[in-house]
Structure formats: structure tokens, C-alpha cells
Amino acid sequence: MSIKTNMRIGIWNVSYRKHNETTWRPLPCVKDFWYADPMLFNRKDRKFLFLEAFDEKKQIGKIAVSEYKNNYFEVPKVVLQRPYHLSYPSVFEWKNKIYMLPESSQNRTMELYVAEDNDLVNWRKKCVLLDHVRYVDTTVVSDKDGMILYAYEEFEKKYVTHIMKLDIDKEKVYEIGRTESLKNNERPAGNIFEYQAKKYRPLQVSSRCYGESITIREYSEPLLEREKDVYSITPCSLHKDGIVKNALRTHTLAYDRDIEVIDYLTEYDSWKNIFRNFLRRGRNGFFKIRARIQRCKN
């Protein structure tokens, strides 16, 4: 039985296509999972898609990977899970090793993992780079001297982008700059990508609601004040572009020389899923209370 409710409850979906295609293909799913935060990673002649895999039964996010073979992405496999929520898997290569920096803000940490096989299925925690932080959707980009991180932090009345240098050998990060905004419009929305010899940085626009749209900015590496908006992706534009008509929100774009991948929210309104939503909110509330207790102790 279906019911009507004012609570916007839904699942995130992922679709992809080649640049010369007009039709989007839905990512194959595992039962009781939905997927979001697509992040492309290319290594030699192989293409991987990393994702948040949200386990609806346990109401927690895990990290999954899908390899692109014969023009299709395979069914995603969960490759990393913790007792706390994981999402937004930034994967990058440094000195012939593959690293992952997933969002683990629910645990108030910034964690670095290293791959232990060529299929990028087995991952080992290398270190905790930062503790007692709530950085979300940290994006990694290579620089001539190393790796630069863009981490987002949300306060009650302002939003901060932290620009940091990552020293993998010393297992440390150093803040080299920051920008602040009064609007929630600069949260990272995917890896920085190159198009026609220029670099671009996708950002979430969430002033009115989470996942309102995605803005593409020309990247200034790393002085963000020089960036300018060049394109916008909205649920309406996705409808016109062939994504399912009931797409309500979007918040992550993956793009490389061959393919583009995007996520979008579709709504459901059954009693079962409303109950699951309450479970998720209860779990998130538990971690927030625990974080407050830790702050008081410190």
C-alpha cells in the first residue's frame, strides 16, 4: 500500500553514458542497496567506478567498486565497510600506489586507505590523518609537488572549504588556505576533471535543499577565488537530457575523457521505507550525541 507524506524520502541512483551517446544506462544494483557519490578512477587500461553503497537493511553507507568492461559497468562489489557511515570515495594514485580517502565524518575522522591488489578490492587503513573533525566530501587532486585536498565543513551560519596539502610519507595534512561562504553552494560534487585543456571543479548547490543542483566551475589550482561558474546541472536539465522524469535532486558528477556518470534522487513513500528513514535518522542522531560528548570531554 502506498501512502502520501510530506517527508521527502527516497533512494539515490547512478546512471552513466559515453560522451557520444544520448541514452543513459542505469548502474546495476544489488538488492537492498542503493548507490551514490560516483567517482571514476583510471589506471593503465582499466576504468573503475567507486561509489557509496548504502545498505538499506543496516542503514549505513559502505564503499563499493564497479569495473567498466565491454562498454558496461559491472555490478558493484562492497570493498570497504566500517561500524560508521562511509561515502564519497576519493581514489588517487601516488608513487605507483593507489589510495582512497572516503568521507568518514560520522566518525569525526579523516582516514587514508591503501589498495593491496590490482583489482582495487582489498584495502588497508594506512592512517588517520585527522581526528575530531567533521569534514565532508573531501576531494583530492594532484599538484606538481604532491596532493591537494579540498575538504568541506558546515557550521550553523557559514560554510568553509579547507585547502590542505597531503604528505603521505609523513601521514599528515597541512592547511594552506581556506574560503568561507554564507551559502551552502561550494561543497565538492566530484573529482576535478579536464575538458579541452582546462580543468573544472563540480560543486553542490544546496541553499534551499540538499542536492538542489550541481555547478561546474573553472578550476584555478588552488586559488579558489579565481574560479568562475561555467555550467549548471539541475534535475530539470537531467529530465531533458534523458534521465528518468522523477529525478528530484543531484549532487555528484564523475567525468573523464570517455564517460560521464551522475547520481540523482528518486522518491518513494511506503511505510516500510519511512520506517527505514527513521532508523537512519536515529543512527545519525546517536553519532551526533557521541560527538558532542567527545567535544565536552576535550
Protein backbone atom coordinates (compact mmCIF):
# COMPACT_ATOMS: atom_id res chain seq x y z
CA MET A 1 0.00 0.00 0.00
CA SER A 2 1.22 3.49 -0.84
CA ILE A 3 0.71 6.49 1.42
CA LYS A 4 1.12 10.22 0.98
CA THR A 5 3.53 12.09 3.20
CA ASN A 6 5.24 15.45 3.41
CA MET A 7 8.52 13.74 4.29
CA ARG A 8 10.79 13.59 1.27
CA ILE A 9 12.24 10.09 1.43
CA GLY A 10 14.00 8.47 -1.45
CA ILE A 11 16.87 6.48 -2.86
CA TRP A 12 19.89 7.64 -4.82
CA ASN A 13 20.52 6.18 -8.26
CA VAL A 14 23.52 6.24 -10.60
CA SER A 15 23.47 6.33 -14.41
CA TYR A 16 26.24 6.69 -16.99
CA ARG A 17 26.91 7.14 -20.70
CA LYS A 18 29.72 7.64 -23.18
CA HIS A 19 30.18 11.18 -24.47
CA ASN A 20 28.95 10.19 -27.93
CA GLU A 21 25.78 8.59 -26.56
CA THR A 22 22.41 10.20 -25.81
CA THR A 23 20.98 7.34 -23.75
CA TRP A 24 21.86 6.94 -20.08
CA ARG A 25 22.40 3.44 -18.69
CA PRO A 26 21.42 2.69 -15.09
CA LEU A 27 24.12 1.15 -12.91
CA PRO A 28 23.16 -2.45 -11.98
CA CYS A 29 22.21 -2.76 -8.32
CA VAL A 30 22.39 -5.36 -5.58
CA LYS A 31 19.14 -5.98 -3.72
CA ASP A 32 18.67 -3.76 -0.64
CA PHE A 33 21.42 -1.37 -1.74
CA TRP A 34 21.32 1.97 -3.48
CA TYR A 35 24.30 3.90 -4.84
CA ALA A 36 25.52 7.50 -4.90
CA ASP A 37 28.73 9.59 -4.98
CA PRO A 38 30.18 8.16 -8.23
CA MET A 39 33.96 8.66 -8.53
CA LEU A 40 35.83 7.50 -11.65
CA PHE A 41 39.40 6.23 -11.45
CA ASN A 42 41.56 5.17 -14.41
CA ARG A 43 44.65 3.00 -14.06
CA LYS A 44 46.53 1.98 -17.19
CA ASP A 45 43.89 0.44 -19.47
CA ARG A 46 41.28 -0.20 -16.76
CA LYS A 47 38.43 2.03 -15.62
CA PHE A 48 36.86 1.78 -12.16
CA LEU A 49 33.82 3.44 -10.64
CA PHE A 50 33.85 3.89 -6.86
CA LEU A 51 30.61 4.62 -5.04
CA GLU A 52 28.81 4.95 -1.77
CA ALA A 53 26.81 1.71 -1.43
CA PHE A 54 24.04 2.36 1.05
CA ASP A 55 22.85 -0.77 2.86
CA GLU A 56 19.12 -0.20 3.42
CA LYS A 57 18.79 -3.06 5.91
CA LYS A 58 21.59 -1.78 8.14
CA GLN A 59 21.04 1.89 7.22
CA ILE A 60 24.71 2.61 6.72
CA GLY A 61 26.96 3.61 3.84
CA LYS A 62 29.76 1.38 2.58
CA ILE A 63 32.24 1.75 -0.29
CA ALA A 64 31.81 -0.29 -3.46
CA VAL A 65 33.61 -0.56 -6.79
CA SER A 66 32.47 -1.47 -10.30
CA GLU A 67 34.81 -2.08 -13.24
CA TYR A 68 33.96 -0.96 -16.77
CA LYS A 69 34.12 -3.91 -19.16
CA ASN A 70 32.73 -4.32 -22.69
CA ASN A 71 31.08 -0.89 -22.53
CA TYR A 72 29.20 -1.64 -19.29
CA PHE A 73 29.86 -1.22 -15.60
CA GLU A 74 29.67 -4.46 -13.65
CA VAL A 75 27.53 -4.99 -10.55
CA PRO A 76 29.27 -3.07 -7.73
CA LYS A 77 31.13 -5.01 -5.02
CA VAL A 78 31.44 -3.72 -1.47
CA VAL A 79 35.16 -3.30 -0.75
CA LEU A 80 35.23 -1.24 2.45
CA GLN A 81 32.92 -1.07 5.45
CA ARG A 82 33.16 0.22 9.00
CA PRO A 83 30.81 0.43 12.00
CA TYR A 84 30.16 4.04 10.90
CA HIS A 85 28.91 5.58 7.67
CA LEU A 86 31.30 5.86 4.70
CA SER A 87 30.71 7.74 1.46
CA TYR A 88 32.36 9.88 -1.26
CA PRO A 89 35.39 7.64 -2.03
CA SER A 90 38.16 9.87 -3.41
CA VAL A 91 40.65 7.49 -5.04
CA PHE A 92 44.02 8.61 -6.37
CA GLU A 93 47.49 7.34 -7.30
CA TRP A 94 50.78 8.46 -5.75
CA LYS A 95 54.19 6.88 -6.39
CA ASN A 96 52.64 3.79 -8.03
CA LYS A 97 50.30 3.10 -5.11
CA ILE A 98 46.53 3.58 -5.04
CA TYR A 99 44.97 5.39 -2.11
CA MET A 100 41.44 6.12 -1.00
CA LEU A 101 40.19 8.92 1.20
CA PRO A 102 36.50 8.24 1.90
CA GLU A 103 34.25 10.53 3.87
CA SER A 104 34.08 9.30 7.47
CA SER A 105 32.68 12.43 9.11
CA GLN A 106 30.22 10.39 11.14
CA ASN A 107 33.27 9.03 12.99
CA ARG A 108 34.79 12.54 13.16
CA THR A 109 37.90 11.36 11.30
CA MET A 110 39.76 11.79 8.02
CA GLU A 111 41.10 8.35 7.11
CA LEU A 112 43.54 7.21 4.43
CA TYR A 113 43.45 3.71 2.93
CA VAL A 114 45.82 1.94 0.52
CA ALA A 115 44.92 -0.73 -2.05
CA GLU A 116 46.55 -4.13 -1.64
CA ASP A 117 45.69 -5.65 -5.03
CA ASN A 118 45.43 -4.57 -8.67
CA ASP A 119 41.66 -5.14 -8.76
CA LEU A 120 41.24 -2.48 -6.04
CA VAL A 121 39.08 -4.79 -3.96
CA ASN A 122 41.24 -5.17 -0.83
CA TRP A 123 42.02 -2.03 1.15
CA ARG A 124 44.07 -1.48 4.30
CA LYS A 125 43.81 1.52 6.59
CA LYS A 126 47.11 3.36 6.39
CA CYS A 127 46.41 6.03 8.98
CA VAL A 128 44.01 8.53 10.48
CA LEU A 129 45.10 11.87 9.07
CA LEU A 130 42.85 13.97 11.30
CA ASP A 131 40.69 13.30 14.32
CA HIS A 132 37.82 15.27 15.88
CA VAL A 133 36.82 16.82 12.53
CA ARG A 134 33.61 16.74 10.52
CA TYR A 135 34.95 17.32 7.01
CA VAL A 136 32.66 16.09 4.24
CA ASP A 137 33.25 15.10 0.60
CA THR A 138 37.00 15.67 0.63
CA THR A 139 38.27 15.82 -2.95
CA VAL A 140 41.87 15.01 -3.89
CA VAL A 141 43.74 16.48 -6.86
CA SER A 142 47.36 16.05 -7.91
CA ASP A 143 49.70 19.02 -7.76
CA LYS A 144 53.24 19.37 -9.09
CA ASP A 145 54.57 18.98 -5.54
CA GLY A 146 52.11 16.39 -4.22
CA MET A 147 48.42 16.10 -3.45
CA ILE A 148 45.96 18.88 -2.61
CA LEU A 149 42.78 18.23 -0.59
CA TYR A 150 39.57 20.23 -0.65
CA ALA A 151 37.51 19.44 2.45
CA TYR A 152 34.15 21.00 3.30
CA GLU A 153 32.92 21.88 6.76
CA GLU A 154 29.42 23.06 7.62
CA PHE A 155 28.64 25.39 10.52
CA GLU A 156 25.34 26.88 11.59
CA LYS A 157 25.76 30.12 9.65
CA LYS A 158 28.77 29.60 7.40
CA TYR A 159 30.44 27.02 5.17
CA VAL A 160 34.20 26.56 4.93
CA THR A 161 36.35 24.94 2.25
CA HIS A 162 39.68 23.85 3.74
CA ILE A 163 42.56 23.63 1.25
CA MET A 164 45.23 21.25 2.51
CA LYS A 165 48.50 19.70 1.41
CA LEU A 166 48.74 15.94 1.87
CA ASP A 167 52.10 14.46 2.87
CA ILE A 168 51.58 10.71 2.52
CA ASP A 169 55.08 9.78 3.68
CA LYS A 170 54.63 11.67 6.95
CA GLU A 171 50.93 10.76 7.15
CA LYS A 172 49.98 14.38 7.74
CA VAL A 173 47.93 17.16 6.20
CA TYR A 174 48.72 20.88 6.39
CA GLU A 175 46.15 23.61 5.77
CA ILE A 176 47.42 26.08 3.19
CA GLY A 177 44.28 28.14 2.74
CA ARG A 178 40.52 28.33 3.12
CA THR A 179 37.46 30.03 1.70
CA GLU A 180 34.23 30.84 3.53
CA SER A 181 30.68 31.31 2.28
CA LEU A 182 27.35 32.19 3.85
CA LYS A 183 25.58 29.94 1.34
CA ASN A 184 25.78 26.16 1.12
CA ASN A 185 26.87 26.22 -2.51
CA GLU A 186 30.52 25.08 -2.51
CA ARG A 187 30.52 21.52 -1.20
CA PRO A 188 32.57 19.29 -3.53
CA ALA A 189 30.47 17.31 -6.01
CA GLY A 190 33.02 15.01 -7.61
CA ASN A 191 36.59 14.84 -8.83
CA ILE A 192 38.21 17.75 -10.63
CA PHE A 193 38.30 16.86 -14.34
CA GLU A 194 39.83 18.11 -17.57
CA TYR A 195 37.94 19.19 -20.69
CA GLN A 196 39.52 20.82 -23.75
CA ALA A 197 42.78 21.56 -21.92
CA LYS A 198 41.03 23.24 -18.97
CA LYS A 199 40.24 21.89 -15.51
CA TYR A 200 36.83 22.05 -13.88
CA ARG A 201 35.54 21.53 -10.36
CA PRO A 202 31.94 20.37 -9.72
CA LEU A 203 30.21 21.79 -6.62
CA GLN A 204 26.92 21.04 -4.87
CA VAL A 205 24.31 23.77 -4.65
CA SER A 206 22.21 23.14 -1.54
CA SER A 207 20.90 26.56 -0.49
CA ARG A 208 17.25 25.51 -0.50
CA CYS A 209 17.60 21.73 -0.19
CA TYR A 210 20.31 19.09 -0.19
CA GLY A 211 21.25 18.17 -3.76
CA GLU A 212 19.44 21.11 -5.35
CA SER A 213 21.84 21.17 -8.34
CA ILE A 214 25.50 20.95 -9.41
CA THR A 215 27.58 23.92 -10.52
CA ILE A 216 30.67 23.42 -12.69
CA ARG A 217 33.45 25.93 -12.07
CA GLU A 218 36.65 26.52 -13.98
CA TYR A 219 39.40 25.37 -11.62
CA SER A 220 42.09 27.86 -10.56
CA GLU A 221 44.56 25.47 -8.87
CA PRO A 222 44.46 26.06 -5.93
CA LEU A 223 43.43 29.73 -5.52
CA LEU A 224 39.67 29.24 -5.48
CA GLU A 225 38.84 32.94 -5.53
CA ARG A 226 39.71 32.97 -9.24
CA GLU A 227 37.13 30.34 -10.13
CA LYS A 228 34.07 31.18 -12.21
CA ASP A 229 30.84 29.29 -12.83
CA VAL A 230 30.54 27.91 -16.36
CA TYR A 231 27.68 25.37 -16.28
CA SER A 232 24.81 24.12 -14.12
CA ILE A 233 23.21 20.67 -13.86
CA THR A 234 19.71 20.60 -12.37
CA PRO A 235 17.07 17.87 -12.02
CA CYS A 236 15.15 19.68 -14.76
CA SER A 237 18.14 19.59 -17.12
CA LEU A 238 18.59 15.88 -16.35
CA HIS A 239 14.94 15.26 -17.33
CA LYS A 240 15.52 16.98 -20.66
CA ASP A 241 18.76 15.03 -21.11
CA GLY A 242 17.03 11.66 -20.79
CA ILE A 243 17.36 10.78 -17.07
CA VAL A 244 14.17 9.35 -15.51
CA LYS A 245 11.48 12.03 -15.15
CA ASN A 246 11.08 11.57 -11.40
CA ALA A 247 14.67 12.58 -10.59
CA LEU A 248 14.36 15.12 -7.77
CA ARG A 249 17.91 16.01 -6.78
CA THR A 250 21.51 15.52 -7.89
CA HIS A 251 24.80 16.02 -6.06
CA THR A 252 27.79 14.20 -7.61
CA LEU A 253 29.24 14.13 -11.13
CA ALA A 254 32.08 11.93 -12.42
CA TYR A 255 33.64 12.81 -15.77
CA ASP A 256 36.69 11.69 -17.74
CA ARG A 257 37.79 11.59 -21.37
CA ASP A 258 35.41 8.73 -22.24
CA ILE A 259 32.40 8.72 -19.98
CA GLU A 260 30.21 10.68 -17.59
CA VAL A 261 28.41 9.39 -14.50
CA ILE A 262 25.86 11.16 -12.31
CA ASP A 263 23.68 10.39 -9.30
CA TYR A 264 20.09 11.51 -8.69
CA LEU A 265 17.39 11.04 -6.09
CA THR A 266 14.04 9.39 -6.78
CA GLU A 267 11.26 9.47 -4.23
CA TYR A 268 9.36 6.64 -2.57
CA ASP A 269 6.61 6.81 0.02
CA SER A 270 5.87 3.40 1.52
CA TRP A 271 5.53 2.72 5.25
CA LYS A 272 8.48 0.33 5.07
CA ASN A 273 10.82 2.98 3.73
CA ILE A 274 9.55 5.67 6.11
CA PHE A 275 10.42 3.30 8.96
CA ARG A 276 13.89 2.77 7.47
CA ASN A 277 14.32 6.52 7.24
CA PHE A 278 13.55 6.88 10.96
CA LEU A 279 16.16 4.21 11.69
CA ARG A 280 18.75 6.11 9.69
CA ARG A 281 17.95 9.38 11.44
CA GLY A 282 18.16 7.63 14.81
CA ARG A 283 21.58 6.24 13.92
CA ASN A 284 22.80 9.65 12.75
CA GLY A 285 21.48 11.19 15.97
CA PHE A 286 23.46 8.69 18.03
CA PHE A 287 26.72 9.67 16.32
CA LYS A 288 25.94 13.39 16.77
CA ILE A 289 25.32 12.92 20.51
CA ARG A 290 28.52 10.91 20.83
CA ALA A 291 30.46 13.66 19.04
CA ARG A 292 29.09 16.30 21.42
CA ILE A 293 30.10 14.21 24.43
CA GLN A 294 33.63 13.86 22.99
CA ARG A 295 33.87 17.62 22.44
CA CYS A 296 32.84 18.27 26.05
CA LYS A 297 35.49 15.87 27.32
CA ASN A 298 38.16 17.57 25.24
